[in-house]
């Protein structure tokens, strides 16, 4: 898949001593690197790091959200439901596990809950 330039992602799953220190940090994809890696400029760093896509996740993963503002017949039944973001989907959507199913929903239709 092409590098999603401009998307914010969080570093996960690095096991080397240097890499483990990057786990949990967030940054922005700035381009494609070598060997299928993506160049990610982590917050507070000037130079991008070349990271494998499998070591990056949407920073919303693990957060709880409430669905709102959907207008389709099905969407109206989802408004107000609370679910957990389980993965990124594309630059504007994330996969949210609700009580009945997991759906790709636009970030604009989600609000974080405590």
C-alpha atoms as a PDB file:
ATOM      1  CA  UNK A   1       0.000   0.000   0.000  1.00  0.00           C
ATOM      2  CA  UNK A   2       1.269   3.502  -0.689  1.00  0.00           C
ATOM      3  CA  UNK A   3       2.443   5.569   2.260  1.00  0.00           C
ATOM      4  CA  UNK A   4      -0.504   7.617   3.603  1.00  0.00           C
ATOM      5  CA  UNK A   5       1.319  10.957   3.531  1.00  0.00           C
ATOM      6  CA  UNK A   6      -0.073  13.378   6.110  1.00  0.00           C
ATOM      7  CA  UNK A   7      -1.740  10.697   8.264  1.00  0.00           C
ATOM      8  CA  UNK A   8      -0.944  10.654  11.976  1.00  0.00           C
ATOM      9  CA  UNK A   9       0.094   7.254  13.309  1.00  0.00           C
ATOM     10  CA  UNK A  10       1.410   5.734  16.568  1.00  0.00           C
ATOM     11  CA  UNK A  11       4.494   3.488  16.794  1.00  0.00           C
ATOM     12  CA  UNK A  12       3.875  -0.022  18.210  1.00  0.00           C
ATOM     13  CA  UNK A  13       5.620  -3.376  18.512  1.00  0.00           C
ATOM     14  CA  UNK A  14       9.279  -2.344  18.176  1.00  0.00           C
ATOM     15  CA  UNK A  15      11.526  -4.633  20.228  1.00  0.00           C
ATOM     16  CA  UNK A  16      15.090  -3.326  19.884  1.00  0.00           C
ATOM     17  CA  UNK A  17      16.366  -1.085  22.704  1.00  0.00           C
ATOM     18  CA  UNK A  18      16.229   2.003  20.471  1.00  0.00           C
ATOM     19  CA  UNK A  19      12.917   0.987  18.900  1.00  0.00           C
ATOM     20  CA  UNK A  20      11.198   0.224  22.196  1.00  0.00           C
ATOM     21  CA  UNK A  21      11.799   3.831  23.225  1.00  0.00           C
ATOM     22  CA  UNK A  22       9.709   4.932  20.211  1.00  0.00           C
ATOM     23  CA  UNK A  23       6.712   2.710  21.054  1.00  0.00           C
ATOM     24  CA  UNK A  24       3.676   4.832  21.891  1.00  0.00           C
ATOM     25  CA  UNK A  25       5.044   7.953  20.192  1.00  0.00           C
ATOM     26  CA  UNK A  26       2.976   9.582  17.473  1.00  0.00           C
ATOM     27  CA  UNK A  27       3.990  11.289  14.265  1.00  0.00           C
ATOM     28  CA  UNK A  28       3.068  12.137  10.707  1.00  0.00           C
ATOM     29  CA  UNK A  29       3.831  10.094   7.588  1.00  0.00           C
ATOM     30  CA  UNK A  30       6.024  12.204   5.312  1.00  0.00           C
ATOM     31  CA  UNK A  31       6.666   9.742   2.473  1.00  0.00           C
ATOM     32  CA  UNK A  32       7.805   6.287   1.396  1.00  0.00           C
ATOM     33  CA  UNK A  33      11.168   4.841   2.361  1.00  0.00           C
ATOM     34  CA  UNK A  34      13.088   1.782   1.186  1.00  0.00           C
ATOM     35  CA  UNK A  35      11.958  -1.842   1.517  1.00  0.00           C
ATOM     36  CA  UNK A  36       8.277  -0.979   1.945  1.00  0.00           C
ATOM     37  CA  UNK A  37       8.862   1.241   4.962  1.00  0.00           C
ATOM     38  CA  UNK A  38       7.143   4.549   5.573  1.00  0.00           C
ATOM     39  CA  UNK A  39       8.938   7.716   6.636  1.00  0.00           C
ATOM     40  CA  UNK A  40       7.391   9.039   9.841  1.00  0.00           C
ATOM     41  CA  UNK A  41       8.406  12.294  11.545  1.00  0.00           C
ATOM     42  CA  UNK A  42       7.707  11.696  15.227  1.00  0.00           C
ATOM     43  CA  UNK A  43       6.468  14.601  17.326  1.00  0.00           C
ATOM     44  CA  UNK A  44       9.434  16.595  18.611  1.00  0.00           C
ATOM     45  CA  UNK A  45      11.893  15.119  16.063  1.00  0.00           C
ATOM     46  CA  UNK A  46      13.096  16.902  12.948  1.00  0.00           C
ATOM     47  CA  UNK A  47      14.254  13.813  11.041  1.00  0.00           C
ATOM     48  CA  UNK A  48      11.813  11.091   9.949  1.00  0.00           C
ATOM     49  CA  UNK A  49      12.251   7.430  10.897  1.00  0.00           C
ATOM     50  CA  UNK A  50      11.789   4.639   8.324  1.00  0.00           C
ATOM     51  CA  UNK A  51       9.257   2.265   9.912  1.00  0.00           C
ATOM     52  CA  UNK A  52       7.414  -0.835   8.711  1.00  0.00           C
ATOM     53  CA  UNK A  53       3.661  -0.309   8.268  1.00  0.00           C
ATOM     54  CA  UNK A  54       2.962  -3.199  10.677  1.00  0.00           C
ATOM     55  CA  UNK A  55       4.684  -1.165  13.426  1.00  0.00           C
ATOM     56  CA  UNK A  56       2.279   1.751  12.981  1.00  0.00           C
ATOM     57  CA  UNK A  57      -1.342   2.114  14.027  1.00  0.00           C
ATOM     58  CA  UNK A  58      -3.983   4.793  14.096  1.00  0.00           C
ATOM     59  CA  UNK A  59      -3.560   6.776  17.341  1.00  0.00           C
ATOM     60  CA  UNK A  60      -7.279   6.344  18.038  1.00  0.00           C
ATOM     61  CA  UNK A  61      -6.870   2.553  18.504  1.00  0.00           C
ATOM     62  CA  UNK A  62      -7.948   1.559  22.000  1.00  0.00           C
ATOM     63  CA  UNK A  63      -9.983   4.709  22.600  1.00  0.00           C
ATOM     64  CA  UNK A  64     -13.711   4.636  23.351  1.00  0.00           C
ATOM     65  CA  UNK A  65     -15.973   6.735  21.162  1.00  0.00           C
ATOM     66  CA  UNK A  66     -19.650   7.670  20.775  1.00  0.00           C
ATOM     67  CA  UNK A  67     -21.275   7.659  17.343  1.00  0.00           C
ATOM     68  CA  UNK A  68     -23.216  10.783  16.327  1.00  0.00           C
ATOM     69  CA  UNK A  69     -24.519  12.657  13.308  1.00  0.00           C
ATOM     70  CA  UNK A  70     -25.275   9.691  11.045  1.00  0.00           C
ATOM     71  CA  UNK A  71     -28.310  10.301   8.825  1.00  0.00           C
ATOM     72  CA  UNK A  72     -28.968   7.047   6.916  1.00  0.00           C
ATOM     73  CA  UNK A  73     -31.648   4.658   8.168  1.00  0.00           C
ATOM     74  CA  UNK A  74     -29.000   2.321   9.611  1.00  0.00           C
ATOM     75  CA  UNK A  75     -26.915   5.249  10.838  1.00  0.00           C
ATOM     76  CA  UNK A  76     -29.801   6.625  12.841  1.00  0.00           C
ATOM     77  CA  UNK A  77     -29.858   3.348  14.811  1.00  0.00           C
ATOM     78  CA  UNK A  78     -26.124   3.689  15.542  1.00  0.00           C
ATOM     79  CA  UNK A  79     -26.172   7.270  16.848  1.00  0.00           C
ATOM     80  CA  UNK A  80     -25.434   7.324  20.582  1.00  0.00           C
ATOM     81  CA  UNK A  81     -23.782   3.892  20.619  1.00  0.00           C
ATOM     82  CA  UNK A  82     -20.392   3.626  22.294  1.00  0.00           C
ATOM     83  CA  UNK A  83     -17.631   1.432  20.937  1.00  0.00           C
ATOM     84  CA  UNK A  84     -13.879   0.843  20.921  1.00  0.00           C
ATOM     85  CA  UNK A  85     -11.654   1.846  18.008  1.00  0.00           C
ATOM     86  CA  UNK A  86      -9.925  -1.399  16.990  1.00  0.00           C
ATOM     87  CA  UNK A  87      -7.945  -0.301  13.921  1.00  0.00           C
ATOM     88  CA  UNK A  88      -7.517   2.346  11.271  1.00  0.00           C
ATOM     89  CA  UNK A  89      -9.385   1.893   8.004  1.00  0.00           C
ATOM     90  CA  UNK A  90      -8.374   4.693   5.642  1.00  0.00           C
ATOM     91  CA  UNK A  91      -7.320   8.336   6.076  1.00  0.00           C
ATOM     92  CA  UNK A  92     -10.793   9.440   7.247  1.00  0.00           C
ATOM     93  CA  UNK A  93     -12.281   6.307   8.846  1.00  0.00           C
ATOM     94  CA  UNK A  94     -11.495   3.971  11.719  1.00  0.00           C
ATOM     95  CA  UNK A  95     -12.937   0.548  12.540  1.00  0.00           C
ATOM     96  CA  UNK A  96     -15.138   0.751  15.636  1.00  0.00           C
ATOM     97  CA  UNK A  97     -16.319  -2.351  17.514  1.00  0.00           C
ATOM     98  CA  UNK A  98     -19.879  -1.683  18.652  1.00  0.00           C
ATOM     99  CA  UNK A  99     -22.011  -4.145  20.632  1.00  0.00           C
ATOM    100  CA  UNK A 100     -23.436  -5.770  17.499  1.00  0.00           C
ATOM    101  CA  UNK A 101     -20.747  -5.373  14.831  1.00  0.00           C
ATOM    102  CA  UNK A 102     -17.503  -3.679  13.775  1.00  0.00           C
ATOM    103  CA  UNK A 103     -17.915  -0.843  11.272  1.00  0.00           C
ATOM    104  CA  UNK A 104     -15.648   1.603   9.423  1.00  0.00           C
ATOM    105  CA  UNK A 105     -16.880   5.020  10.568  1.00  0.00           C
ATOM    106  CA  UNK A 106     -15.725   8.529   9.703  1.00  0.00           C
ATOM    107  CA  UNK A 107     -13.786  10.331  12.429  1.00  0.00           C
ATOM    108  CA  UNK A 108     -16.163  13.287  11.941  1.00  0.00           C
ATOM    109  CA  UNK A 109     -18.980  11.083  13.310  1.00  0.00           C
ATOM    110  CA  UNK A 110     -17.121  10.038  16.477  1.00  0.00           C
ATOM    111  CA  UNK A 111     -16.516  11.798  19.760  1.00  0.00           C
ATOM    112  CA  UNK A 112     -14.163  10.429  22.378  1.00  0.00           C
ATOM    113  CA  UNK A 113     -15.706   9.437  25.703  1.00  0.00           C
ATOM    114  CA  UNK A 114     -13.928   9.207  29.042  1.00  0.00           C
END
